[in-house]
Amino acid sequence: MAATLGWLAVKGKDDAAVFAELDLVRNGDTSPRARRGFCLALPSGWFVVVARAGSPLLTEDTLLPLSKGCRVVSVQHDETAYSVATCYDDGAVLWHVEHAARDDEVRVLAASGALPPGFDVLHARFESEQDIADEEGRDVDCFVALPVELAEMYTGFEYDFGAAAYGRAAFDGWKLGAEVIPRAASRRLRRRMARSARPWWRFW
């Protein structure tokens, strides 16, 4: 699993509709593996858009409207800080799982909604792995991977698998649409993404 990653997956809405609503266009680039700025249609019917942790594409403001008439799963993961997976269904949050360890406690997990059937089994496995790590005196956070694995189990998409694992030749590249979209939400999204692309040390 990558140290930091972000992606969303949509089922029940085709890729053209997803791109139109997110104001994205294909740029002709391809990649054999998942990378920020690429997408892939899975045989299972999920359409995956790979962004980055913290991308405006992965905010609730963006994904709640996108989930109208379909289902959307989003993932954001930073192995040093947090991990979160959320499922939206027809304009509402269906379930949400979030982990952000504190200095003195790594077994911190917030879960709500109609969680997938496999959640309890997954949680028990991570509890066991953390028990073993604690007994061995290893300073590791096992739980940070739980939301990501839950989303992977739910959608069938694993970031570390290449396109060939899904029977596809490559991931397709995307970029923000160049045309002016007469929607305030799209303009705000473009501005937020432009700001997020600046180096952390640049304030202008």
N, C-alpha and C. Protein backbone atom coordinates (compact mmCIF):
# COMPACT_ATOMS: atom_id res chain seq x y z
N MET A 1 0.84 -1.19 0.00
CA MET A 1 0.00 0.00 0.00
C MET A 1 0.88 1.24 0.00
N ALA A 2 0.50 2.23 -0.80
CA ALA A 2 1.26 3.48 -0.86
C ALA A 2 1.21 4.20 0.48
N ALA A 3 2.24 5.00 0.76
CA ALA A 3 2.29 5.75 2.02
C ALA A 3 1.14 6.74 2.12
N THR A 4 0.82 7.39 1.02
CA THR A 4 -0.36 8.26 0.96
C THR A 4 -1.12 7.93 -0.33
N LEU A 5 -2.42 7.95 -0.26
CA LEU A 5 -3.21 7.67 -1.44
C LEU A 5 -4.62 8.22 -1.26
N GLY A 6 -5.29 8.38 -2.39
CA GLY A 6 -6.68 8.80 -2.37
C GLY A 6 -7.35 8.31 -3.64
N TRP A 7 -8.57 7.86 -3.52
CA TRP A 7 -9.32 7.44 -4.71
C TRP A 7 -10.81 7.40 -4.41
N LEU A 8 -11.59 7.43 -5.47
CA LEU A 8 -13.02 7.25 -5.34
C LEU A 8 -13.47 6.23 -6.37
N ALA A 9 -14.54 5.53 -6.05
CA ALA A 9 -15.10 4.53 -6.96
C ALA A 9 -16.61 4.74 -7.05
N VAL A 10 -17.12 4.67 -8.26
CA VAL A 10 -18.54 4.93 -8.51
C VAL A 10 -19.16 3.70 -9.16
N LYS A 11 -20.34 3.31 -8.69
CA LYS A 11 -21.08 2.20 -9.31
C LYS A 11 -22.52 2.65 -9.54
N GLY A 12 -23.00 2.47 -10.77
CA GLY A 12 -24.35 2.88 -11.10
C GLY A 12 -24.42 4.13 -11.94
N LYS A 13 -23.24 4.64 -12.34
CA LYS A 13 -23.16 5.83 -13.18
C LYS A 13 -21.96 5.63 -14.10
N ASP A 14 -22.12 5.83 -15.41
CA ASP A 14 -21.01 5.54 -16.31
C ASP A 14 -19.90 6.59 -16.21
N ASP A 15 -18.76 6.25 -16.81
CA ASP A 15 -17.59 7.12 -16.66
C ASP A 15 -17.80 8.50 -17.27
N ALA A 16 -18.57 8.58 -18.36
CA ALA A 16 -18.82 9.89 -18.96
C ALA A 16 -19.60 10.79 -18.01
N ALA A 17 -20.58 10.22 -17.33
CA ALA A 17 -21.38 11.00 -16.37
C ALA A 17 -20.52 11.43 -15.19
N VAL A 18 -19.66 10.52 -14.70
CA VAL A 18 -18.78 10.84 -13.58
C VAL A 18 -17.84 11.98 -13.97
N PHE A 19 -17.24 11.90 -15.14
CA PHE A 19 -16.33 12.96 -15.58
C PHE A 19 -17.06 14.28 -15.74
N ALA A 20 -18.26 14.25 -16.27
CA ALA A 20 -19.01 15.48 -16.46
C ALA A 20 -19.32 16.15 -15.13
N GLU A 21 -19.71 15.36 -14.14
CA GLU A 21 -20.07 15.92 -12.83
C GLU A 21 -18.86 16.40 -12.05
N LEU A 22 -17.72 15.76 -12.26
CA LEU A 22 -16.50 16.17 -11.56
C LEU A 22 -15.70 17.20 -12.36
N ASP A 23 -16.16 17.51 -13.57
CA ASP A 23 -15.46 18.46 -14.44
C ASP A 23 -14.06 17.95 -14.76
N LEU A 24 -13.98 16.69 -15.21
CA LEU A 24 -12.72 16.08 -15.61
C LEU A 24 -12.79 15.68 -17.08
N VAL A 25 -11.63 15.62 -17.73
CA VAL A 25 -11.55 15.13 -19.11
C VAL A 25 -10.34 14.21 -19.22
N ARG A 26 -10.41 13.27 -20.14
CA ARG A 26 -9.26 12.40 -20.38
C ARG A 26 -8.17 13.18 -21.09
N ASN A 27 -6.91 12.88 -20.78
CA ASN A 27 -5.80 13.61 -21.39
C ASN A 27 -4.94 12.75 -22.32
N GLY A 28 -5.33 11.50 -22.53
CA GLY A 28 -4.61 10.63 -23.45
C GLY A 28 -3.45 9.87 -22.83
N ASP A 29 -3.09 10.17 -21.59
CA ASP A 29 -2.00 9.45 -20.92
C ASP A 29 -2.49 8.08 -20.44
N THR A 30 -1.57 7.16 -20.29
CA THR A 30 -1.88 5.84 -19.74
C THR A 30 -0.82 5.43 -18.73
N SER A 31 -1.18 4.52 -17.87
CA SER A 31 -0.26 4.00 -16.86
C SER A 31 -0.62 2.56 -16.55
N PRO A 32 0.36 1.67 -16.43
CA PRO A 32 0.03 0.28 -16.09
C PRO A 32 -0.41 0.11 -14.64
N ARG A 33 -0.13 1.12 -13.81
CA ARG A 33 -0.46 1.03 -12.39
C ARG A 33 -1.26 2.25 -11.94
N ALA A 34 -1.89 2.13 -10.79
CA ALA A 34 -2.66 3.25 -10.24
C ALA A 34 -1.73 4.39 -9.88
N ARG A 35 -2.08 5.59 -10.31
CA ARG A 35 -1.34 6.80 -9.99
C ARG A 35 -2.33 7.95 -9.90
N ARG A 36 -1.95 8.98 -9.17
CA ARG A 36 -2.78 10.17 -9.10
C ARG A 36 -3.00 10.73 -10.50
N GLY A 37 -4.26 11.04 -10.83
CA GLY A 37 -4.57 11.56 -12.14
C GLY A 37 -4.89 10.50 -13.18
N PHE A 38 -5.24 9.28 -12.70
CA PHE A 38 -5.61 8.20 -13.62
C PHE A 38 -6.90 7.54 -13.16
N CYS A 39 -7.53 6.81 -14.07
CA CYS A 39 -8.81 6.18 -13.76
C CYS A 39 -8.88 4.81 -14.42
N LEU A 40 -9.85 4.00 -13.97
CA LEU A 40 -9.99 2.65 -14.51
C LEU A 40 -11.42 2.16 -14.29
N ALA A 41 -11.99 1.55 -15.32
CA ALA A 41 -13.29 0.91 -15.21
C ALA A 41 -13.07 -0.56 -14.87
N LEU A 42 -13.58 -1.00 -13.72
CA LEU A 42 -13.40 -2.39 -13.29
C LEU A 42 -14.47 -3.28 -13.91
N PRO A 43 -14.16 -4.55 -14.15
CA PRO A 43 -15.15 -5.49 -14.68
C PRO A 43 -16.38 -5.63 -13.78
N SER A 44 -16.21 -5.34 -12.48
CA SER A 44 -17.30 -5.46 -11.52
C SER A 44 -18.34 -4.34 -11.65
N GLY A 45 -18.04 -3.32 -12.47
CA GLY A 45 -18.97 -2.22 -12.64
C GLY A 45 -18.56 -0.95 -11.91
N TRP A 46 -17.56 -1.02 -11.05
CA TRP A 46 -17.07 0.18 -10.37
C TRP A 46 -16.15 0.95 -11.31
N PHE A 47 -16.26 2.26 -11.28
CA PHE A 47 -15.36 3.13 -12.04
C PHE A 47 -14.51 3.90 -11.04
N VAL A 48 -13.19 3.73 -11.12
CA VAL A 48 -12.27 4.27 -10.11
C VAL A 48 -11.53 5.49 -10.65
N VAL A 49 -11.51 6.55 -9.85
CA VAL A 49 -10.75 7.75 -10.16
C VAL A 49 -9.71 7.94 -9.06
N VAL A 50 -8.44 7.89 -9.42
CA VAL A 50 -7.36 8.02 -8.45
C VAL A 50 -6.96 9.49 -8.33
N ALA A 51 -7.03 10.02 -7.13
CA ALA A 51 -6.66 11.42 -6.89
C ALA A 51 -5.48 11.44 -5.92
N ARG A 52 -5.63 12.08 -4.81
CA ARG A 52 -4.61 12.09 -3.77
C ARG A 52 -5.30 12.36 -2.45
N ALA A 53 -4.69 11.98 -1.37
CA ALA A 53 -5.24 12.28 -0.07
C ALA A 53 -5.35 13.80 0.08
N GLY A 54 -6.51 14.28 0.50
CA GLY A 54 -6.71 15.70 0.66
C GLY A 54 -7.25 16.40 -0.57
N SER A 55 -7.47 15.68 -1.66
CA SER A 55 -7.98 16.30 -2.87
C SER A 55 -9.42 16.79 -2.67
N PRO A 56 -9.77 17.95 -3.22
CA PRO A 56 -11.16 18.41 -3.17
C PRO A 56 -12.13 17.44 -3.84
N LEU A 57 -11.62 16.61 -4.75
CA LEU A 57 -12.48 15.60 -5.37
C LEU A 57 -13.03 14.61 -4.36
N LEU A 58 -12.38 14.49 -3.21
CA LEU A 58 -12.76 13.48 -2.22
C LEU A 58 -13.52 14.06 -1.04
N THR A 59 -13.95 15.30 -1.14
CA THR A 59 -14.70 15.92 -0.06
C THR A 59 -16.17 15.55 -0.13
N GLU A 60 -16.84 15.68 0.99
CA GLU A 60 -18.27 15.38 1.04
C GLU A 60 -19.06 16.32 0.14
N ASP A 61 -18.63 17.58 0.03
CA ASP A 61 -19.31 18.54 -0.83
C ASP A 61 -19.33 18.09 -2.29
N THR A 62 -18.28 17.39 -2.69
CA THR A 62 -18.20 16.89 -4.06
C THR A 62 -18.92 15.56 -4.22
N LEU A 63 -18.77 14.67 -3.25
CA LEU A 63 -19.23 13.30 -3.43
C LEU A 63 -20.70 13.07 -3.11
N LEU A 64 -21.27 13.86 -2.22
CA LEU A 64 -22.71 13.72 -1.96
C LEU A 64 -23.53 13.97 -3.23
N PRO A 65 -23.30 15.09 -3.94
CA PRO A 65 -24.05 15.28 -5.19
C PRO A 65 -23.74 14.21 -6.24
N LEU A 66 -22.47 13.78 -6.32
CA LEU A 66 -22.09 12.76 -7.30
C LEU A 66 -22.84 11.46 -7.05
N SER A 67 -23.14 11.16 -5.80
CA SER A 67 -23.78 9.88 -5.46
C SER A 67 -25.28 9.84 -5.75
N LYS A 68 -25.85 10.94 -6.23
CA LYS A 68 -27.27 10.93 -6.58
C LYS A 68 -27.51 9.89 -7.68
N GLY A 69 -28.35 8.91 -7.37
CA GLY A 69 -28.67 7.88 -8.36
C GLY A 69 -27.63 6.79 -8.50
N CYS A 70 -26.64 6.77 -7.60
CA CYS A 70 -25.61 5.74 -7.67
C CYS A 70 -24.96 5.58 -6.30
N ARG A 71 -23.89 4.81 -6.24
CA ARG A 71 -23.15 4.60 -5.01
C ARG A 71 -21.70 5.01 -5.22
N VAL A 72 -21.11 5.68 -4.23
CA VAL A 72 -19.73 6.16 -4.33
C VAL A 72 -18.98 5.78 -3.07
N VAL A 73 -17.76 5.30 -3.23
CA VAL A 73 -16.87 5.02 -2.10
C VAL A 73 -15.62 5.87 -2.27
N SER A 74 -15.20 6.52 -1.20
CA SER A 74 -13.98 7.34 -1.25
C SER A 74 -13.00 6.86 -0.18
N VAL A 75 -11.72 7.00 -0.49
CA VAL A 75 -10.65 6.59 0.41
C VAL A 75 -9.59 7.67 0.47
N GLN A 76 -9.12 7.97 1.69
CA GLN A 76 -7.96 8.82 1.88
C GLN A 76 -7.10 8.16 2.95
N HIS A 77 -5.80 8.10 2.67
CA HIS A 77 -4.90 7.36 3.58
C HIS A 77 -3.54 8.03 3.64
N ASP A 78 -3.07 8.25 4.85
CA ASP A 78 -1.71 8.70 5.11
C ASP A 78 -1.21 7.83 6.25
N GLU A 79 -0.25 6.94 5.95
CA GLU A 79 0.14 5.94 6.94
C GLU A 79 0.73 6.53 8.22
N THR A 80 1.11 7.81 8.18
CA THR A 80 1.69 8.45 9.37
C THR A 80 0.65 9.22 10.18
N ALA A 81 -0.57 9.36 9.64
CA ALA A 81 -1.50 10.25 10.32
C ALA A 81 -2.94 9.75 10.40
N TYR A 82 -3.53 9.34 9.30
CA TYR A 82 -4.96 9.04 9.32
C TYR A 82 -5.34 8.13 8.16
N SER A 83 -6.55 7.61 8.23
CA SER A 83 -7.12 6.81 7.16
C SER A 83 -8.63 6.90 7.27
N VAL A 84 -9.30 7.08 6.14
CA VAL A 84 -10.75 7.23 6.17
C VAL A 84 -11.37 6.64 4.90
N ALA A 85 -12.49 5.96 5.07
CA ALA A 85 -13.26 5.44 3.95
C ALA A 85 -14.72 5.78 4.20
N THR A 86 -15.39 6.27 3.15
CA THR A 86 -16.79 6.67 3.26
C THR A 86 -17.56 6.14 2.06
N CYS A 87 -18.77 5.67 2.32
CA CYS A 87 -19.64 5.22 1.24
C CYS A 87 -20.87 6.12 1.21
N TYR A 88 -21.15 6.65 0.03
CA TYR A 88 -22.32 7.50 -0.20
C TYR A 88 -23.31 6.75 -1.09
N ASP A 89 -24.58 6.93 -0.82
CA ASP A 89 -25.60 6.26 -1.62
C ASP A 89 -26.76 7.22 -1.87
N ASP A 90 -26.98 7.55 -3.13
CA ASP A 90 -28.10 8.39 -3.55
C ASP A 90 -28.20 9.69 -2.73
N GLY A 91 -27.07 10.35 -2.57
CA GLY A 91 -27.07 11.66 -1.91
C GLY A 91 -26.98 11.65 -0.41
N ALA A 92 -26.68 10.49 0.18
CA ALA A 92 -26.56 10.40 1.64
C ALA A 92 -25.38 9.51 2.00
N VAL A 93 -24.84 9.70 3.22
CA VAL A 93 -23.76 8.85 3.70
C VAL A 93 -24.34 7.52 4.14
N LEU A 94 -23.85 6.43 3.56
CA LEU A 94 -24.31 5.09 3.92
C LEU A 94 -23.50 4.53 5.09
N TRP A 95 -22.17 4.65 5.00
CA TRP A 95 -21.31 4.26 6.12
C TRP A 95 -20.01 5.05 6.07
N HIS A 96 -19.35 5.10 7.22
CA HIS A 96 -18.12 5.89 7.35
C HIS A 96 -17.22 5.23 8.39
N VAL A 97 -15.95 5.06 8.05
CA VAL A 97 -14.96 4.49 8.97
C VAL A 97 -13.71 5.36 8.93
N GLU A 98 -13.26 5.80 10.10
CA GLU A 98 -12.13 6.73 10.15
C GLU A 98 -11.19 6.37 11.29
N HIS A 99 -9.89 6.47 11.01
CA HIS A 99 -8.87 6.19 12.02
C HIS A 99 -7.86 7.34 12.03
N ALA A 100 -7.59 7.87 13.22
CA ALA A 100 -6.55 8.88 13.40
C ALA A 100 -5.94 8.64 14.77
N ALA A 101 -4.77 8.04 14.79
CA ALA A 101 -4.14 7.67 16.05
C ALA A 101 -3.73 8.90 16.85
N ARG A 102 -3.79 8.76 18.16
CA ARG A 102 -3.26 9.79 19.06
C ARG A 102 -1.89 9.33 19.58
N ASP A 103 -1.18 10.25 20.20
CA ASP A 103 0.17 9.94 20.66
C ASP A 103 0.20 8.72 21.58
N ASP A 104 -0.82 8.59 22.42
CA ASP A 104 -0.81 7.52 23.41
C ASP A 104 -1.77 6.38 23.09
N GLU A 105 -2.38 6.40 21.91
CA GLU A 105 -3.37 5.38 21.60
C GLU A 105 -3.54 5.22 20.09
N VAL A 106 -3.35 3.98 19.59
CA VAL A 106 -3.55 3.73 18.16
C VAL A 106 -4.87 3.03 17.89
N ARG A 107 -5.50 2.46 18.91
CA ARG A 107 -6.77 1.75 18.70
C ARG A 107 -7.93 2.73 18.70
N VAL A 108 -7.85 3.67 17.77
CA VAL A 108 -8.87 4.71 17.66
C VAL A 108 -9.59 4.52 16.34
N LEU A 109 -10.87 4.21 16.41
CA LEU A 109 -11.62 3.95 15.19
C LEU A 109 -13.04 4.49 15.37
N ALA A 110 -13.45 5.36 14.45
CA ALA A 110 -14.81 5.87 14.45
C ALA A 110 -15.55 5.22 13.29
N ALA A 111 -16.63 4.53 13.57
CA ALA A 111 -17.40 3.83 12.54
C ALA A 111 -18.88 4.14 12.72
N SER A 112 -19.57 4.41 11.63
CA SER A 112 -20.99 4.73 11.71
C SER A 112 -21.70 4.28 10.45
N GLY A 113 -23.02 4.19 10.54
CA GLY A 113 -23.84 3.83 9.39
C GLY A 113 -24.02 2.34 9.22
N ALA A 114 -24.54 1.95 8.07
CA ALA A 114 -24.80 0.53 7.76
C ALA A 114 -23.51 -0.09 7.23
N LEU A 115 -22.66 -0.51 8.15
CA LEU A 115 -21.34 -1.02 7.79
C LEU A 115 -21.45 -2.32 6.99
N PRO A 116 -20.52 -2.56 6.05
CA PRO A 116 -20.53 -3.79 5.26
C PRO A 116 -20.43 -5.03 6.15
N PRO A 117 -20.99 -6.16 5.71
CA PRO A 117 -20.97 -7.38 6.52
C PRO A 117 -19.58 -7.81 6.97
N GLY A 118 -18.56 -7.55 6.17
CA GLY A 118 -17.22 -8.00 6.51
C GLY A 118 -16.49 -7.13 7.51
N PHE A 119 -17.11 -6.05 7.97
CA PHE A 119 -16.41 -5.11 8.86
C PHE A 119 -15.98 -5.78 10.16
N ASP A 120 -16.86 -6.55 10.80
CA ASP A 120 -16.54 -7.16 12.09
C ASP A 120 -15.36 -8.12 11.98
N VAL A 121 -15.32 -8.90 10.91
CA VAL A 121 -14.22 -9.84 10.71
C VAL A 121 -12.92 -9.08 10.50
N LEU A 122 -13.00 -8.03 9.70
CA LEU A 122 -11.81 -7.21 9.44
C LEU A 122 -11.32 -6.55 10.73
N HIS A 123 -12.24 -6.03 11.51
CA HIS A 123 -11.87 -5.37 12.77
C HIS A 123 -11.20 -6.35 13.72
N ALA A 124 -11.74 -7.57 13.81
CA ALA A 124 -11.16 -8.59 14.69
C ALA A 124 -9.74 -8.95 14.25
N ARG A 125 -9.52 -9.01 12.94
CA ARG A 125 -8.18 -9.31 12.44
C ARG A 125 -7.18 -8.23 12.82
N PHE A 126 -7.58 -6.95 12.68
CA PHE A 126 -6.67 -5.86 13.02
C PHE A 126 -6.44 -5.77 14.53
N GLU A 127 -7.45 -6.09 15.31
CA GLU A 127 -7.27 -6.16 16.77
C GLU A 127 -6.20 -7.19 17.10
N SER A 128 -6.28 -8.36 16.47
CA SER A 128 -5.31 -9.43 16.74
C SER A 128 -3.90 -9.02 16.31
N GLU A 129 -3.80 -8.38 15.14
CA GLU A 129 -2.48 -7.94 14.66
C GLU A 129 -1.88 -6.88 15.59
N GLN A 130 -2.73 -5.98 16.10
CA GLN A 130 -2.24 -4.95 17.02
C GLN A 130 -1.83 -5.57 18.35
N ASP A 131 -2.57 -6.58 18.82
CA ASP A 131 -2.22 -7.29 20.05
C ASP A 131 -0.83 -7.90 19.94
N ILE A 132 -0.57 -8.55 18.82
CA ILE A 132 0.73 -9.20 18.61
C ILE A 132 1.84 -8.15 18.56
N ALA A 133 1.60 -7.05 17.84
CA ALA A 133 2.61 -6.00 17.75
C ALA A 133 2.90 -5.40 19.11
N ASP A 134 1.85 -5.19 19.92
CA ASP A 134 2.04 -4.61 21.25
C ASP A 134 2.82 -5.57 22.15
N GLU A 135 2.50 -6.86 22.08
CA GLU A 135 3.20 -7.86 22.90
C GLU A 135 4.67 -7.94 22.54
N GLU A 136 4.98 -7.73 21.27
CA GLU A 136 6.37 -7.81 20.81
C GLU A 136 7.11 -6.48 20.98
N GLY A 137 6.38 -5.47 21.48
CA GLY A 137 7.01 -4.17 21.70
C GLY A 137 7.28 -3.39 20.45
N ARG A 138 6.57 -3.70 19.36
CA ARG A 138 6.78 -2.97 18.11
C ARG A 138 5.88 -1.73 18.08
N ASP A 139 6.47 -0.60 17.74
CA ASP A 139 5.74 0.67 17.68
C ASP A 139 5.11 0.83 16.30
N VAL A 140 3.99 0.13 16.10
CA VAL A 140 3.32 0.18 14.80
C VAL A 140 1.83 0.46 15.02
N ASP A 141 1.22 0.99 13.99
CA ASP A 141 -0.21 1.28 13.99
C ASP A 141 -0.86 0.39 12.94
N CYS A 142 -1.41 -0.71 13.36
CA CYS A 142 -2.05 -1.64 12.43
C CYS A 142 -3.37 -1.09 11.92
N PHE A 143 -4.08 -0.34 12.76
CA PHE A 143 -5.43 0.10 12.43
C PHE A 143 -5.49 1.11 11.29
N VAL A 144 -4.37 1.77 10.97
CA VAL A 144 -4.40 2.79 9.93
C VAL A 144 -4.77 2.19 8.57
N ALA A 145 -4.58 0.91 8.39
CA ALA A 145 -4.91 0.27 7.10
C ALA A 145 -6.34 -0.23 7.04
N LEU A 146 -7.05 -0.24 8.16
CA LEU A 146 -8.39 -0.85 8.18
C LEU A 146 -9.39 -0.17 7.25
N PRO A 147 -9.57 1.15 7.29
CA PRO A 147 -10.53 1.77 6.37
C PRO A 147 -10.22 1.48 4.90
N VAL A 148 -8.94 1.48 4.55
CA VAL A 148 -8.56 1.21 3.17
C VAL A 148 -8.94 -0.21 2.77
N GLU A 149 -8.63 -1.17 3.62
CA GLU A 149 -8.96 -2.56 3.30
C GLU A 149 -10.46 -2.79 3.25
N LEU A 150 -11.21 -2.07 4.07
CA LEU A 150 -12.67 -2.19 4.02
C LEU A 150 -13.18 -1.71 2.66
N ALA A 151 -12.68 -0.58 2.20
CA ALA A 151 -13.08 -0.06 0.89
C ALA A 151 -12.64 -0.99 -0.24
N GLU A 152 -11.45 -1.56 -0.11
CA GLU A 152 -10.98 -2.51 -1.11
C GLU A 152 -11.88 -3.74 -1.17
N MET A 153 -12.26 -4.24 -0.02
CA MET A 153 -13.15 -5.40 0.05
C MET A 153 -14.51 -5.07 -0.56
N TYR A 154 -14.97 -3.87 -0.32
CA TYR A 154 -16.30 -3.45 -0.77
C TYR A 154 -16.36 -3.25 -2.29
N THR A 155 -15.31 -2.67 -2.86
CA THR A 155 -15.31 -2.34 -4.29
C THR A 155 -14.55 -3.33 -5.16
N GLY A 156 -13.63 -4.07 -4.55
CA GLY A 156 -12.78 -4.96 -5.33
C GLY A 156 -11.57 -4.28 -5.93
N PHE A 157 -11.36 -2.99 -5.60
CA PHE A 157 -10.21 -2.27 -6.13
C PHE A 157 -9.10 -2.19 -5.10
N GLU A 158 -7.90 -2.62 -5.49
CA GLU A 158 -6.72 -2.49 -4.63
C GLU A 158 -5.69 -1.62 -5.34
N TYR A 159 -5.30 -0.56 -4.68
CA TYR A 159 -4.42 0.44 -5.25
C TYR A 159 -3.11 -0.16 -5.77
N ASP A 160 -2.60 -1.15 -5.09
CA ASP A 160 -1.29 -1.70 -5.45
C ASP A 160 -1.34 -2.67 -6.62
N PHE A 161 -2.54 -3.03 -7.09
CA PHE A 161 -2.66 -3.93 -8.23
C PHE A 161 -2.58 -3.13 -9.53
N GLY A 162 -1.89 -3.68 -10.51
CA GLY A 162 -1.82 -3.05 -11.82
C GLY A 162 -3.10 -3.26 -12.60
N ALA A 163 -3.23 -2.54 -13.72
CA ALA A 163 -4.43 -2.65 -14.55
C ALA A 163 -4.65 -4.08 -15.04
N ALA A 164 -3.57 -4.81 -15.29
CA ALA A 164 -3.69 -6.18 -15.80
C ALA A 164 -4.44 -7.08 -14.83
N ALA A 165 -4.37 -6.78 -13.55
CA ALA A 165 -5.07 -7.60 -12.55
C ALA A 165 -6.59 -7.52 -12.72
N TYR A 166 -7.04 -6.46 -13.40
CA TYR A 166 -8.47 -6.27 -13.64
C TYR A 166 -8.84 -6.54 -15.09
N GLY A 167 -7.91 -7.16 -15.82
CA GLY A 167 -8.18 -7.47 -17.21
C GLY A 167 -8.16 -6.27 -18.12
N ARG A 168 -7.50 -5.20 -17.71
CA ARG A 168 -7.41 -3.98 -18.51
C ARG A 168 -5.96 -3.74 -18.94
N ALA A 169 -5.81 -3.03 -20.06
CA ALA A 169 -4.47 -2.76 -20.57
C ALA A 169 -3.75 -1.71 -19.74
N ALA A 170 -4.48 -0.70 -19.29
CA ALA A 170 -3.84 0.40 -18.57
C ALA A 170 -4.89 1.28 -17.91
N PHE A 171 -4.45 2.07 -16.95
CA PHE A 171 -5.25 3.15 -16.39
C PHE A 171 -5.21 4.31 -17.39
N ASP A 172 -6.30 5.05 -17.49
CA ASP A 172 -6.36 6.21 -18.38
C ASP A 172 -6.16 7.50 -17.60
N GLY A 173 -5.42 8.44 -18.18
CA GLY A 173 -5.15 9.71 -17.52
C GLY A 173 -6.32 10.67 -17.61
N TRP A 174 -6.41 11.56 -16.61
CA TRP A 174 -7.44 12.61 -16.62
C TRP A 174 -6.84 13.92 -16.13
N LYS A 175 -7.55 15.00 -16.41
CA LYS A 175 -7.17 16.32 -15.92
C LYS A 175 -8.45 17.12 -15.70
N LEU A 176 -8.34 18.24 -15.03
CA LEU A 176 -9.49 19.12 -14.88
C LEU A 176 -9.92 19.66 -16.24
N GLY A 177 -11.23 19.72 -16.46
CA GLY A 177 -11.74 20.21 -17.73
C GLY A 177 -11.32 21.64 -17.99
N ALA A 178 -11.03 21.96 -19.24
CA ALA A 178 -10.57 23.30 -19.60
C ALA A 178 -11.73 24.25 -19.85
N GLU A 179 -12.90 23.69 -20.21
CA GLU A 179 -14.01 24.57 -20.52
C GLU A 179 -14.57 25.19 -19.26
N VAL A 180 -15.22 26.32 -19.41
CA VAL A 180 -15.84 27.00 -18.29
C VAL A 180 -17.17 26.32 -17.99
N ILE A 181 -17.34 25.88 -16.76
CA ILE A 181 -18.57 25.24 -16.35
C ILE A 181 -19.41 26.26 -15.59
N PRO A 182 -20.61 26.55 -16.05
CA PRO A 182 -21.42 27.59 -15.40
C PRO A 182 -22.08 27.11 -14.12
N ARG A 183 -21.26 26.53 -13.25
CA ARG A 183 -21.78 26.08 -11.96
C ARG A 183 -20.80 26.55 -10.90
N ALA A 184 -21.31 27.21 -9.87
CA ALA A 184 -20.44 27.74 -8.81
C ALA A 184 -19.64 26.63 -8.18
N ALA A 185 -20.25 25.45 -8.00
CA ALA A 185 -19.55 24.33 -7.35
C ALA A 185 -18.33 23.93 -8.16
N SER A 186 -18.45 23.87 -9.49
CA SER A 186 -17.32 23.48 -10.33
C SER A 186 -16.21 24.52 -10.28
N ARG A 187 -16.58 25.80 -10.27
CA ARG A 187 -15.56 26.84 -10.18
C ARG A 187 -14.82 26.80 -8.85
N ARG A 188 -15.58 26.54 -7.79
CA ARG A 188 -14.93 26.43 -6.47
C ARG A 188 -14.00 25.23 -6.43
N LEU A 189 -14.44 24.13 -7.04
CA LEU A 189 -13.61 22.93 -7.07
C LEU A 189 -12.31 23.18 -7.80
N ARG A 190 -12.37 23.89 -8.95
CA ARG A 190 -11.16 24.16 -9.71
C ARG A 190 -10.20 25.05 -8.92
N ARG A 191 -10.75 26.04 -8.22
CA ARG A 191 -9.89 26.92 -7.41
C ARG A 191 -9.24 26.15 -6.27
N ARG A 192 -10.03 25.27 -5.61
CA ARG A 192 -9.46 24.50 -4.49
C ARG A 192 -8.36 23.58 -4.98
N MET A 193 -8.56 22.95 -6.13
CA MET A 193 -7.54 22.04 -6.65
C MET A 193 -6.30 22.80 -7.07
N ALA A 194 -6.47 24.00 -7.61
CA ALA A 194 -5.31 24.82 -7.99
C ALA A 194 -4.51 25.18 -6.76
N ARG A 195 -5.21 25.56 -5.67
CA ARG A 195 -4.50 25.91 -4.44
C ARG A 195 -3.78 24.69 -3.86
N SER A 196 -4.43 23.53 -3.92
CA SER A 196 -3.84 22.34 -3.31
C SER A 196 -2.61 21.86 -4.06
N ALA A 197 -2.43 22.31 -5.30
CA ALA A 197 -1.27 21.90 -6.09
C ALA A 197 -0.02 22.71 -5.75
N ARG A 198 -0.16 23.80 -5.00
CA ARG A 198 1.00 24.60 -4.62
C ARG A 198 1.88 23.87 -3.62
N PRO A 199 3.18 24.08 -3.67
CA PRO A 199 4.04 23.54 -2.60
C PRO A 199 3.59 24.07 -1.25
N TRP A 200 3.82 23.29 -0.20
CA TRP A 200 3.35 23.67 1.13
C TRP A 200 3.94 24.99 1.60
N TRP A 201 5.14 25.33 1.04
CA TRP A 201 5.81 26.54 1.52
C TRP A 201 5.39 27.78 0.76
N ARG A 202 4.57 27.63 -0.29
CA ARG A 202 4.19 28.80 -1.09
C ARG A 202 2.80 29.28 -0.66
N PHE A 203 2.71 30.55 -0.30
CA PHE A 203 1.46 31.10 0.22
C PHE A 203 0.73 31.98 -0.79
N TRP A 204 1.28 32.12 -2.03
CA TRP A 204 0.65 32.99 -3.01
C TRP A 204 0.18 32.19 -4.20
